[in-house]
Amino acid sequence: MFVKTTPSAGRQVTIYFEDQPLEVEEGISVAAAVLGPSHGWTRTTHGGHKRGPYCQMGVCFECLMTINGVPNQQACLVPVAEGMRVNRQNGVPDFGKEGCNHA
C-alpha cells in the first residue's frame, strides 16, 4: 500500500505525541514526525524490547502506534493531521482489533 502525500510548502501542524505538543510539517508520516522525539522507538514487544520504524513503507510493522485512540496503526503510512493524538504501543499487537490497517 502506498500513501501519496502532497508537499505542504512548509506549513506546520500540531500533533500530540505522548500528550506533549509537537510541531511538525504537514504531509509527513506520523513515523517521520515522531522519530526524533521518540528517541528511535515507537512500540515495545511483549518482552519490553524497543522497536522503531524500519522500512518506512508498510512492510515490517515495526512502527505500530496508537493513533487517535486506535491501536495497531502503521505510523509510516498515516500522514499527520492537526490535533492528532499519537502514543507508543506497548506489548503484542492485536491484529484482530477494529481499526487495523491490514487484514
PDB file of N, CA and C in Angstrom:
ATOM      1  N   MET A   1       0.843  -1.176   0.000  1.00  0.00           N
ATOM      2  CA  MET A   1       0.000   0.000   0.000  1.00  0.00           C
ATOM      3  C   MET A   1       0.883   1.231   0.000  1.00  0.00           C
ATOM      4  N   PHE A   2       0.612   2.150  -0.898  1.00  0.00           N
ATOM      5  CA  PHE A   2       1.379   3.379  -0.967  1.00  0.00           C
ATOM      6  C   PHE A   2       0.484   4.546  -0.598  1.00  0.00           C
ATOM      7  N   VAL A   3       1.031   5.499   0.133  1.00  0.00           N
ATOM      8  CA  VAL A   3       0.287   6.681   0.528  1.00  0.00           C
ATOM      9  C   VAL A   3       0.928   7.871  -0.150  1.00  0.00           C
ATOM     10  N   LYS A   4       0.154   8.557  -0.962  1.00  0.00           N
ATOM     11  CA  LYS A   4       0.662   9.749  -1.636  1.00  0.00           C
ATOM     12  C   LYS A   4       0.368  10.953  -0.761  1.00  0.00           C
ATOM     13  N   THR A   5       1.390  11.728  -0.477  1.00  0.00           N
ATOM     14  CA  THR A   5       1.194  12.949   0.278  1.00  0.00           C
ATOM     15  C   THR A   5       1.557  14.126  -0.598  1.00  0.00           C
ATOM     16  N   THR A   6       0.922  15.241  -0.348  1.00  0.00           N
ATOM     17  CA  THR A   6       1.157  16.444  -1.120  1.00  0.00           C
ATOM     18  C   THR A   6       2.131  17.323  -0.365  1.00  0.00           C
ATOM     19  N   PRO A   7       3.146  17.858  -1.055  1.00  0.00           N
ATOM     20  CA  PRO A   7       4.066  18.768  -0.370  1.00  0.00           C
ATOM     21  C   PRO A   7       3.303  19.926   0.260  1.00  0.00           C
ATOM     22  N   SER A   8       3.703  20.327   1.449  1.00  0.00           N
ATOM     23  CA  SER A   8       2.944  21.313   2.211  1.00  0.00           C
ATOM     24  C   SER A   8       3.484  22.722   2.099  1.00  0.00           C
ATOM     25  N   ALA A   9       4.580  22.909   1.429  1.00  0.00           N
ATOM     26  CA  ALA A   9       5.214  24.235   1.348  1.00  0.00           C
ATOM     27  C   ALA A   9       5.587  24.742   2.734  1.00  0.00           C
ATOM     28  N   GLY A  10       5.923  23.801   3.638  1.00  0.00           N
ATOM     29  CA  GLY A  10       6.427  24.187   4.954  1.00  0.00           C
ATOM     30  C   GLY A  10       5.368  24.499   5.995  1.00  0.00           C
ATOM     31  N   ARG A  11       4.099  24.276   5.725  1.00  0.00           N
ATOM     32  CA  ARG A  11       3.057  24.533   6.720  1.00  0.00           C
ATOM     33  C   ARG A  11       3.232  23.584   7.893  1.00  0.00           C
ATOM     34  N   GLN A  12       3.085  24.117   9.099  1.00  0.00           N
ATOM     35  CA  GLN A  12       3.245  23.327  10.313  1.00  0.00           C
ATOM     36  C   GLN A  12       1.886  23.005  10.927  1.00  0.00           C
ATOM     37  N   VAL A  13       1.781  21.814  11.512  1.00  0.00           N
ATOM     38  CA  VAL A  13       0.599  21.411  12.272  1.00  0.00           C
ATOM     39  C   VAL A  13       1.071  20.936  13.638  1.00  0.00           C
ATOM     40  N   THR A  14       0.164  20.931  14.592  1.00  0.00           N
ATOM     41  CA  THR A  14       0.492  20.455  15.933  1.00  0.00           C
ATOM     42  C   THR A  14      -0.163  19.102  16.153  1.00  0.00           C
ATOM     43  N   ILE A  15       0.665  18.114  16.512  1.00  0.00           N
ATOM     44  CA  ILE A  15       0.158  16.816  16.929  1.00  0.00           C
ATOM     45  C   ILE A  15       0.564  16.634  18.388  1.00  0.00           C
ATOM     46  N   TYR A  16       0.001  15.657  19.039  1.00  0.00           N
ATOM     47  CA  TYR A  16       0.329  15.388  20.439  1.00  0.00           C
ATOM     48  C   TYR A  16       0.908  13.990  20.540  1.00  0.00           C
ATOM     49  N   PHE A  17       2.202  13.927  20.843  1.00  0.00           N
ATOM     50  CA  PHE A  17       2.911  12.663  20.981  1.00  0.00           C
ATOM     51  C   PHE A  17       3.130  12.409  22.460  1.00  0.00           C
ATOM     52  N   GLU A  18       2.531  11.334  22.957  1.00  0.00           N
ATOM     53  CA  GLU A  18       2.597  11.012  24.383  1.00  0.00           C
ATOM     54  C   GLU A  18       2.131  12.227  25.201  1.00  0.00           C
ATOM     55  N   ASP A  19       1.061  12.876  24.744  1.00  0.00           N
ATOM     56  CA  ASP A  19       0.415  14.027  25.383  1.00  0.00           C
ATOM     57  C   ASP A  19       1.251  15.310  25.370  1.00  0.00           C
ATOM     58  N   GLN A  20       2.339  15.332  24.628  1.00  0.00           N
ATOM     59  CA  GLN A  20       3.160  16.533  24.507  1.00  0.00           C
ATOM     60  C   GLN A  20       2.980  17.133  23.120  1.00  0.00           C
ATOM     61  N   PRO A  21       2.729  18.454  23.017  1.00  0.00           N
ATOM     62  CA  PRO A  21       2.563  19.057  21.693  1.00  0.00           C
ATOM     63  C   PRO A  21       3.853  18.980  20.893  1.00  0.00           C
ATOM     64  N   LEU A  22       3.697  18.746  19.608  1.00  0.00           N
ATOM     65  CA  LEU A  22       4.838  18.606  18.712  1.00  0.00           C
ATOM     66  C   LEU A  22       4.485  19.277  17.388  1.00  0.00           C
ATOM     67  N   GLU A  23       5.246  20.299  17.007  1.00  0.00           N
ATOM     68  CA  GLU A  23       5.029  20.999  15.739  1.00  0.00           C
ATOM     69  C   GLU A  23       5.787  20.246  14.650  1.00  0.00           C
ATOM     70  N   VAL A  24       5.054  19.837  13.609  1.00  0.00           N
ATOM     71  CA  VAL A  24       5.655  19.064  12.522  1.00  0.00           C
ATOM     72  C   VAL A  24       5.167  19.587  11.182  1.00  0.00           C
ATOM     73  N   GLU A  25       5.879  19.240  10.144  1.00  0.00           N
ATOM     74  CA  GLU A  25       5.496  19.662   8.811  1.00  0.00           C
ATOM     75  C   GLU A  25       4.288  18.869   8.326  1.00  0.00           C
ATOM     76  N   GLU A  26       3.298  19.573   7.830  1.00  0.00           N
ATOM     77  CA  GLU A  26       2.096  18.933   7.302  1.00  0.00           C
ATOM     78  C   GLU A  26       2.464  18.008   6.147  1.00  0.00           C
ATOM     79  N   GLY A  27       1.819  16.849   6.094  1.00  0.00           N
ATOM     80  CA  GLY A  27       2.003  15.928   4.984  1.00  0.00           C
ATOM     81  C   GLY A  27       3.021  14.828   5.211  1.00  0.00           C
ATOM     82  N   ILE A  28       3.844  14.935   6.265  1.00  0.00           N
ATOM     83  CA  ILE A  28       4.792  13.855   6.526  1.00  0.00           C
ATOM     84  C   ILE A  28       4.079  12.738   7.287  1.00  0.00           C
ATOM     85  N   SER A  29       4.698  11.576   7.349  1.00  0.00           N
ATOM     86  CA  SER A  29       4.085  10.461   8.073  1.00  0.00           C
ATOM     87  C   SER A  29       4.243  10.656   9.576  1.00  0.00           C
ATOM     88  N   VAL A  30       3.378  10.005  10.322  1.00  0.00           N
ATOM     89  CA  VAL A  30       3.475  10.027  11.780  1.00  0.00           C
ATOM     90  C   VAL A  30       4.828   9.469  12.213  1.00  0.00           C
ATOM     91  N   ALA A  31       5.279   8.398  11.574  1.00  0.00           N
ATOM     92  CA  ALA A  31       6.577   7.804  11.931  1.00  0.00           C
ATOM     93  C   ALA A  31       7.709   8.814  11.774  1.00  0.00           C
ATOM     94  N   ALA A  32       7.717   9.534  10.665  1.00  0.00           N
ATOM     95  CA  ALA A  32       8.757  10.543  10.439  1.00  0.00           C
ATOM     96  C   ALA A  32       8.657  11.661  11.470  1.00  0.00           C
ATOM     97  N   ALA A  33       7.431  12.041  11.818  1.00  0.00           N
ATOM     98  CA  ALA A  33       7.221  13.135  12.759  1.00  0.00           C
ATOM     99  C   ALA A  33       7.738  12.816  14.156  1.00  0.00           C
ATOM    100  N   VAL A  34       7.587  11.582  14.591  1.00  0.00           N
ATOM    101  CA  VAL A  34       7.959  11.234  15.970  1.00  0.00           C
ATOM    102  C   VAL A  34       9.321  10.566  16.080  1.00  0.00           C
ATOM    103  N   LEU A  35       9.983  10.328  14.993  1.00  0.00           N
ATOM    104  CA  LEU A  35      11.248   9.595  15.042  1.00  0.00           C
ATOM    105  C   LEU A  35      12.274  10.242  15.974  1.00  0.00           C
ATOM    106  N   GLY A  36      12.459  11.541  15.889  1.00  0.00           N
ATOM    107  CA  GLY A  36      13.404  12.231  16.770  1.00  0.00           C
ATOM    108  C   GLY A  36      12.936  12.256  18.219  1.00  0.00           C
ATOM    109  N   PRO A  37      11.740  12.799  18.477  1.00  0.00           N
ATOM    110  CA  PRO A  37      11.260  12.871  19.858  1.00  0.00           C
ATOM    111  C   PRO A  37      11.036  11.509  20.516  1.00  0.00           C
ATOM    112  N   SER A  38      10.882  10.456  19.718  1.00  0.00           N
ATOM    113  CA  SER A  38      10.645   9.124  20.298  1.00  0.00           C
ATOM    114  C   SER A  38      11.945   8.437  20.684  1.00  0.00           C
ATOM    115  N   HIS A  39      13.068   9.092  20.382  1.00  0.00           N
ATOM    116  CA  HIS A  39      14.381   8.502  20.617  1.00  0.00           C
ATOM    117  C   HIS A  39      14.527   7.185  19.868  1.00  0.00           C
ATOM    118  N   GLY A  40      13.845   7.096  18.717  1.00  0.00           N
ATOM    119  CA  GLY A  40      14.005   5.956  17.834  1.00  0.00           C
ATOM    120  C   GLY A  40      13.065   4.793  18.062  1.00  0.00           C
ATOM    121  N   TRP A  41      12.197   4.874  19.068  1.00  0.00           N
ATOM    122  CA  TRP A  41      11.288   3.740  19.273  1.00  0.00           C
ATOM    123  C   TRP A  41       9.839   4.206  19.361  1.00  0.00           C
ATOM    124  N   THR A  42       8.970   3.402  18.781  1.00  0.00           N
ATOM    125  CA  THR A  42       7.554   3.736  18.707  1.00  0.00           C
ATOM    126  C   THR A  42       6.672   2.683  19.369  1.00  0.00           C
ATOM    127  N   ARG A  43       7.236   1.521  19.661  1.00  0.00           N
ATOM    128  CA  ARG A  43       6.463   0.467  20.320  1.00  0.00           C
ATOM    129  C   ARG A  43       7.417  -0.447  21.070  1.00  0.00           C
ATOM    130  N   THR A  44       6.840  -1.281  21.931  1.00  0.00           N
ATOM    131  CA  THR A  44       7.634  -2.309  22.595  1.00  0.00           C
ATOM    132  C   THR A  44       7.035  -3.674  22.272  1.00  0.00           C
ATOM    133  N   THR A  45       7.857  -4.689  22.389  1.00  0.00           N
ATOM    134  CA  THR A  45       7.398  -6.065  22.200  1.00  0.00           C
ATOM    135  C   THR A  45       6.800  -6.553  23.509  1.00  0.00           C
ATOM    136  N   HIS A  46       6.227  -7.767  23.505  1.00  0.00           N
ATOM    137  CA  HIS A  46       5.681  -8.323  24.740  1.00  0.00           C
ATOM    138  C   HIS A  46       6.765  -8.492  25.796  1.00  0.00           C
ATOM    139  N   GLY A  47       8.021  -8.598  25.379  1.00  0.00           N
ATOM    140  CA  GLY A  47       9.134  -8.722  26.316  1.00  0.00           C
ATOM    141  C   GLY A  47       9.738  -7.392  26.739  1.00  0.00           C
ATOM    142  N   GLY A  48       9.159  -6.287  26.253  1.00  0.00           N
ATOM    143  CA  GLY A  48       9.644  -4.967  26.636  1.00  0.00           C
ATOM    144  C   GLY A  48      10.765  -4.420  25.763  1.00  0.00           C
ATOM    145  N   HIS A  49      11.098  -5.113  24.681  1.00  0.00           N
ATOM    146  CA  HIS A  49      12.152  -4.636  23.784  1.00  0.00           C
ATOM    147  C   HIS A  49      11.624  -3.497  22.924  1.00  0.00           C
ATOM    148  N   LYS A  50      12.418  -2.458  22.763  1.00  0.00           N
ATOM    149  CA  LYS A  50      12.006  -1.290  21.999  1.00  0.00           C
ATOM    150  C   LYS A  50      12.153  -1.546  20.501  1.00  0.00           C
ATOM    151  N   ARG A  51      11.162  -1.110  19.749  1.00  0.00           N
ATOM    152  CA  ARG A  51      11.162  -1.218  18.295  1.00  0.00           C
ATOM    153  C   ARG A  51      10.831   0.143  17.708  1.00  0.00           C
ATOM    154  N   GLY A  52      11.311   0.392  16.495  1.00  0.00           N
ATOM    155  CA  GLY A  52      11.042   1.656  15.826  1.00  0.00           C
ATOM    156  C   GLY A  52      10.863   1.466  14.345  1.00  0.00           C
ATOM    157  N   PRO A  53      10.483   2.539  13.652  1.00  0.00           N
ATOM    158  CA  PRO A  53      10.280   2.463  12.208  1.00  0.00           C
ATOM    159  C   PRO A  53      11.521   1.911  11.518  1.00  0.00           C
ATOM    160  N   TYR A  54      11.311   1.007  10.598  1.00  0.00           N
ATOM    161  CA  TYR A  54      12.432   0.374   9.905  1.00  0.00           C
ATOM    162  C   TYR A  54      12.324   0.582   8.394  1.00  0.00           C
ATOM    163  N   CYS A  55      11.299   0.019   7.793  1.00  0.00           N
ATOM    164  CA  CYS A  55      11.214   0.056   6.324  1.00  0.00           C
ATOM    165  C   CYS A  55      10.606   1.349   5.802  1.00  0.00           C
ATOM    166  N   GLN A  56       9.775   1.997   6.583  1.00  0.00           N
ATOM    167  CA  GLN A  56       9.088   3.244   6.221  1.00  0.00           C
ATOM    168  C   GLN A  56       8.166   3.099   5.009  1.00  0.00           C
ATOM    169  N   MET A  57       7.717   1.866   4.716  1.00  0.00           N
ATOM    170  CA  MET A  57       6.809   1.676   3.586  1.00  0.00           C
ATOM    171  C   MET A  57       5.723   0.645   3.865  1.00  0.00           C
ATOM    172  N   GLY A  58       5.502   0.320   5.121  1.00  0.00           N
ATOM    173  CA  GLY A  58       4.383  -0.535   5.481  1.00  0.00           C
ATOM    174  C   GLY A  58       4.599  -2.021   5.362  1.00  0.00           C
ATOM    175  N   VAL A  59       5.840  -2.466   5.309  1.00  0.00           N
ATOM    176  CA  VAL A  59       6.116  -3.888   5.157  1.00  0.00           C
ATOM    177  C   VAL A  59       6.468  -4.554   6.489  1.00  0.00           C
ATOM    178  N   CYS A  60       7.194  -3.870   7.349  1.00  0.00           N
ATOM    179  CA  CYS A  60       7.775  -4.536   8.517  1.00  0.00           C
ATOM    180  C   CYS A  60       6.923  -4.500   9.792  1.00  0.00           C
ATOM    181  N   PHE A  61       5.985  -3.592   9.934  1.00  0.00           N
ATOM    182  CA  PHE A  61       5.112  -3.471  11.099  1.00  0.00           C
ATOM    183  C   PHE A  61       5.846  -3.088  12.386  1.00  0.00           C
ATOM    184  N   GLU A  62       7.064  -2.581  12.288  1.00  0.00           N
ATOM    185  CA  GLU A  62       7.805  -2.158  13.482  1.00  0.00           C
ATOM    186  C   GLU A  62       7.337  -0.799  14.003  1.00  0.00           C
ATOM    187  N   CYS A  63       6.594  -0.062  13.199  1.00  0.00           N
ATOM    188  CA  CYS A  63       6.187   1.296  13.582  1.00  0.00           C
ATOM    189  C   CYS A  63       4.763   1.359  14.129  1.00  0.00           C
ATOM    190  N   LEU A  64       4.190   0.232  14.560  1.00  0.00           N
ATOM    191  CA  LEU A  64       2.820   0.247  15.059  1.00  0.00           C
ATOM    192  C   LEU A  64       2.682   1.194  16.244  1.00  0.00           C
ATOM    193  N   MET A  65       1.654   2.036  16.166  1.00  0.00           N
ATOM    194  CA  MET A  65       1.379   3.007  17.219  1.00  0.00           C
ATOM    195  C   MET A  65      -0.130   3.109  17.418  1.00  0.00           C
ATOM    196  N   THR A  66      -0.515   3.729  18.523  1.00  0.00           N
ATOM    197  CA  THR A  66      -1.917   4.057  18.750  1.00  0.00           C
ATOM    198  C   THR A  66      -2.115   5.488  18.283  1.00  0.00           C
ATOM    199  N   ILE A  67      -2.980   5.666  17.285  1.00  0.00           N
ATOM    200  CA  ILE A  67      -3.211   6.982  16.699  1.00  0.00           C
ATOM    201  C   ILE A  67      -4.682   7.327  16.870  1.00  0.00           C
ATOM    202  N   ASN A  68      -4.937   8.443  17.539  1.00  0.00           N
ATOM    203  CA  ASN A  68      -6.302   8.879  17.849  1.00  0.00           C
ATOM    204  C   ASN A  68      -7.116   7.770  18.525  1.00  0.00           C
ATOM    205  N   GLY A  69      -6.459   7.048  19.433  1.00  0.00           N
ATOM    206  CA  GLY A  69      -7.128   6.011  20.209  1.00  0.00           C
ATOM    207  C   GLY A  69      -7.251   4.665  19.522  1.00  0.00           C
ATOM    208  N   VAL A  70      -6.809   4.547  18.281  1.00  0.00           N
ATOM    209  CA  VAL A  70      -6.918   3.294  17.535  1.00  0.00           C
ATOM    210  C   VAL A  70      -5.546   2.608  17.527  1.00  0.00           C
ATOM    211  N   PRO A  71      -5.434   1.414  18.120  1.00  0.00           N
ATOM    212  CA  PRO A  71      -4.148   0.709  18.152  1.00  0.00           C
ATOM    213  C   PRO A  71      -3.799   0.083  16.808  1.00  0.00           C
ATOM    214  N   ASN A  72      -2.571  -0.389  16.696  1.00  0.00           N
ATOM    215  CA  ASN A  72      -2.085  -1.161  15.545  1.00  0.00           C
ATOM    216  C   ASN A  72      -2.022  -0.376  14.249  1.00  0.00           C
ATOM    217  N   GLN A  73      -1.838   0.936  14.327  1.00  0.00           N
ATOM    218  CA  GLN A  73      -1.738   1.750  13.121  1.00  0.00           C
ATOM    219  C   GLN A  73      -0.287   1.794  12.656  1.00  0.00           C
ATOM    220  N   GLN A  74      -0.078   1.552  11.380  1.00  0.00           N
ATOM    221  CA  GLN A  74       1.268   1.642  10.829  1.00  0.00           C
ATOM    222  C   GLN A  74       1.585   3.122  10.645  1.00  0.00           C
ATOM    223  N   ALA A  75       2.392   3.659  11.553  1.00  0.00           N
ATOM    224  CA  ALA A  75       2.665   5.087  11.588  1.00  0.00           C
ATOM    225  C   ALA A  75       3.362   5.591  10.327  1.00  0.00           C
ATOM    226  N   CYS A  76       4.041   4.717   9.607  1.00  0.00           N
ATOM    227  CA  CYS A  76       4.721   5.143   8.374  1.00  0.00           C
ATOM    228  C   CYS A  76       3.738   5.381   7.232  1.00  0.00           C
ATOM    229  N   LEU A  77       2.501   4.883   7.367  1.00  0.00           N
ATOM    230  CA  LEU A  77       1.503   5.024   6.310  1.00  0.00           C
ATOM    231  C   LEU A  77       0.446   6.080   6.617  1.00  0.00           C
ATOM    232  N   VAL A  78       0.501   6.671   7.807  1.00  0.00           N
ATOM    233  CA  VAL A  78      -0.515   7.637   8.220  1.00  0.00           C
ATOM    234  C   VAL A  78       0.072   9.042   8.184  1.00  0.00           C
ATOM    235  N   PRO A  79      -0.485   9.943   7.351  1.00  0.00           N
ATOM    236  CA  PRO A  79       0.003  11.322   7.343  1.00  0.00           C
ATOM    237  C   PRO A  79      -0.467  12.068   8.587  1.00  0.00           C
ATOM    238  N   VAL A  80       0.345  12.991   9.075  1.00  0.00           N
ATOM    239  CA  VAL A  80      -0.041  13.776  10.247  1.00  0.00           C
ATOM    240  C   VAL A  80      -1.216  14.686   9.907  1.00  0.00           C
ATOM    241  N   ALA A  81      -1.994  15.012  10.928  1.00  0.00           N
ATOM    242  CA  ALA A  81      -3.115  15.938  10.797  1.00  0.00           C
ATOM    243  C   ALA A  81      -3.183  16.779  12.060  1.00  0.00           C
ATOM    244  N   GLU A  82      -3.658  17.984  11.926  1.00  0.00           N
ATOM    245  CA  GLU A  82      -3.772  18.909  13.051  1.00  0.00           C
ATOM    246  C   GLU A  82      -4.533  18.258  14.209  1.00  0.00           C
ATOM    247  N   GLY A  83      -3.939  18.326  15.420  1.00  0.00           N
ATOM    248  CA  GLY A  83      -4.582  17.830  16.626  1.00  0.00           C
ATOM    249  C   GLY A  83      -4.511  16.335  16.851  1.00  0.00           C
ATOM    250  N   MET A  84      -3.858  15.618  15.968  1.00  0.00           N
ATOM    251  CA  MET A  84      -3.748  14.162  16.070  1.00  0.00           C
ATOM    252  C   MET A  84      -3.104  13.769  17.395  1.00  0.00           C
ATOM    253  N   ARG A  85      -3.603  12.686  18.001  1.00  0.00           N
ATOM    254  CA  ARG A  85      -3.043  12.148  19.245  1.00  0.00           C
ATOM    255  C   ARG A  85      -2.322  10.845  18.933  1.00  0.00           C
ATOM    256  N   VAL A  86      -1.038  10.788  19.276  1.00  0.00           N
ATOM    257  CA  VAL A  86      -0.188   9.651  18.931  1.00  0.00           C
ATOM    258  C   VAL A  86       0.492   9.133  20.190  1.00  0.00           C
ATOM    259  N   ASN A  87       0.411   7.820  20.398  1.00  0.00           N
ATOM    260  CA  ASN A  87       1.073   7.202  21.552  1.00  0.00           C
ATOM    261  C   ASN A  87       1.832   5.963  21.125  1.00  0.00           C
ATOM    262  N   ARG A  88       2.917   5.695  21.852  1.00  0.00           N
ATOM    263  CA  ARG A  88       3.631   4.443  21.636  1.00  0.00           C
ATOM    264  C   ARG A  88       2.684   3.288  21.950  1.00  0.00           C
ATOM    265  N   GLN A  89       2.933   2.181  21.304  1.00  0.00           N
ATOM    266  CA  GLN A  89       2.139   0.976  21.565  1.00  0.00           C
ATOM    267  C   GLN A  89       3.006   0.022  22.366  1.00  0.00           C
ATOM    268  N   ASN A  90       2.463  -0.484  23.447  1.00  0.00           N
ATOM    269  CA  ASN A  90       3.211  -1.394  24.317  1.00  0.00           C
ATOM    270  C   ASN A  90       2.648  -2.793  24.253  1.00  0.00           C
ATOM    271  N   GLY A  91       3.547  -3.763  24.105  1.00  0.00           N
ATOM    272  CA  GLY A  91       3.142  -5.159  24.121  1.00  0.00           C
ATOM    273  C   GLY A  91       2.860  -5.720  22.741  1.00  0.00           C
ATOM    274  N   VAL A  92       2.191  -6.840  22.720  1.00  0.00           N
ATOM    275  CA  VAL A  92       1.924  -7.570  21.488  1.00  0.00           C
ATOM    276  C   VAL A  92       0.790  -6.904  20.712  1.00  0.00           C
ATOM    277  N   PRO A  93       0.983  -6.638  19.412  1.00  0.00           N
ATOM    278  CA  PRO A  93      -0.119  -6.099  18.617  1.00  0.00           C
ATOM    279  C   PRO A  93      -1.254  -7.103  18.514  1.00  0.00           C
ATOM    280  N   ASP A  94      -2.470  -6.606  18.483  1.00  0.00           N
ATOM    281  CA  ASP A  94      -3.637  -7.449  18.305  1.00  0.00           C
ATOM    282  C   ASP A  94      -4.241  -7.111  16.951  1.00  0.00           C
ATOM    283  N   PHE A  95      -3.856  -7.863  15.924  1.00  0.00           N
ATOM    284  CA  PHE A  95      -4.306  -7.574  14.566  1.00  0.00           C
ATOM    285  C   PHE A  95      -5.769  -7.874  14.348  1.00  0.00           C
ATOM    286  N   GLY A  96      -6.429  -8.434  15.345  1.00  0.00           N
ATOM    287  CA  GLY A  96      -7.847  -8.702  15.222  1.00  0.00           C
ATOM    288  C   GLY A  96      -8.707  -7.513  15.640  1.00  0.00           C
ATOM    289  N   LYS A  97      -8.065  -6.478  16.230  1.00  0.00           N
ATOM    290  CA  LYS A  97      -8.824  -5.328  16.702  1.00  0.00           C
ATOM    291  C   LYS A  97      -9.313  -4.474  15.555  1.00  0.00           C
ATOM    292  N   GLU A  98     -10.433  -3.839  15.794  1.00  0.00           N
ATOM    293  CA  GLU A  98     -11.006  -2.910  14.824  1.00  0.00           C
ATOM    294  C   GLU A  98     -10.034  -1.752  14.614  1.00  0.00           C
ATOM    295  N   GLY A  99      -9.929  -1.294  13.398  1.00  0.00           N
ATOM    296  CA  GLY A  99      -9.078  -0.160  13.095  1.00  0.00           C
ATOM    297  C   GLY A  99      -7.716  -0.532  12.556  1.00  0.00           C
ATOM    298  N   CYS A 100      -7.435  -1.802  12.497  1.00  0.00           N
ATOM    299  CA  CYS A 100      -6.147  -2.257  11.979  1.00  0.00           C
ATOM    300  C   CYS A 100      -6.037  -1.917  10.508  1.00  0.00           C
ATOM    301  N   ASN A 101      -4.873  -1.450  10.068  1.00  0.00           N
ATOM    302  CA  ASN A 101      -4.665  -1.066   8.661  1.00  0.00           C
ATOM    303  C   ASN A 101      -4.602  -2.233   7.711  1.00  0.00           C
ATOM    304  N   HIS A 102      -4.523  -3.440   8.208  1.00  0.00           N
ATOM    305  CA  HIS A 102      -4.300  -4.600   7.347  1.00  0.00           C
ATOM    306  C   HIS A 102      -5.210  -5.739   7.789  1.00  0.00           C
ATOM    307  N   ALA A 103      -5.542  -6.565   6.840  1.00  0.00           N
ATOM    308  CA  ALA A 103      -6.414  -7.691   7.174  1.00  0.00           C
ATOM    309  C   ALA A 103      -5.767  -8.993   6.770  1.00  0.00           C
TER     310      ALA A 103
END
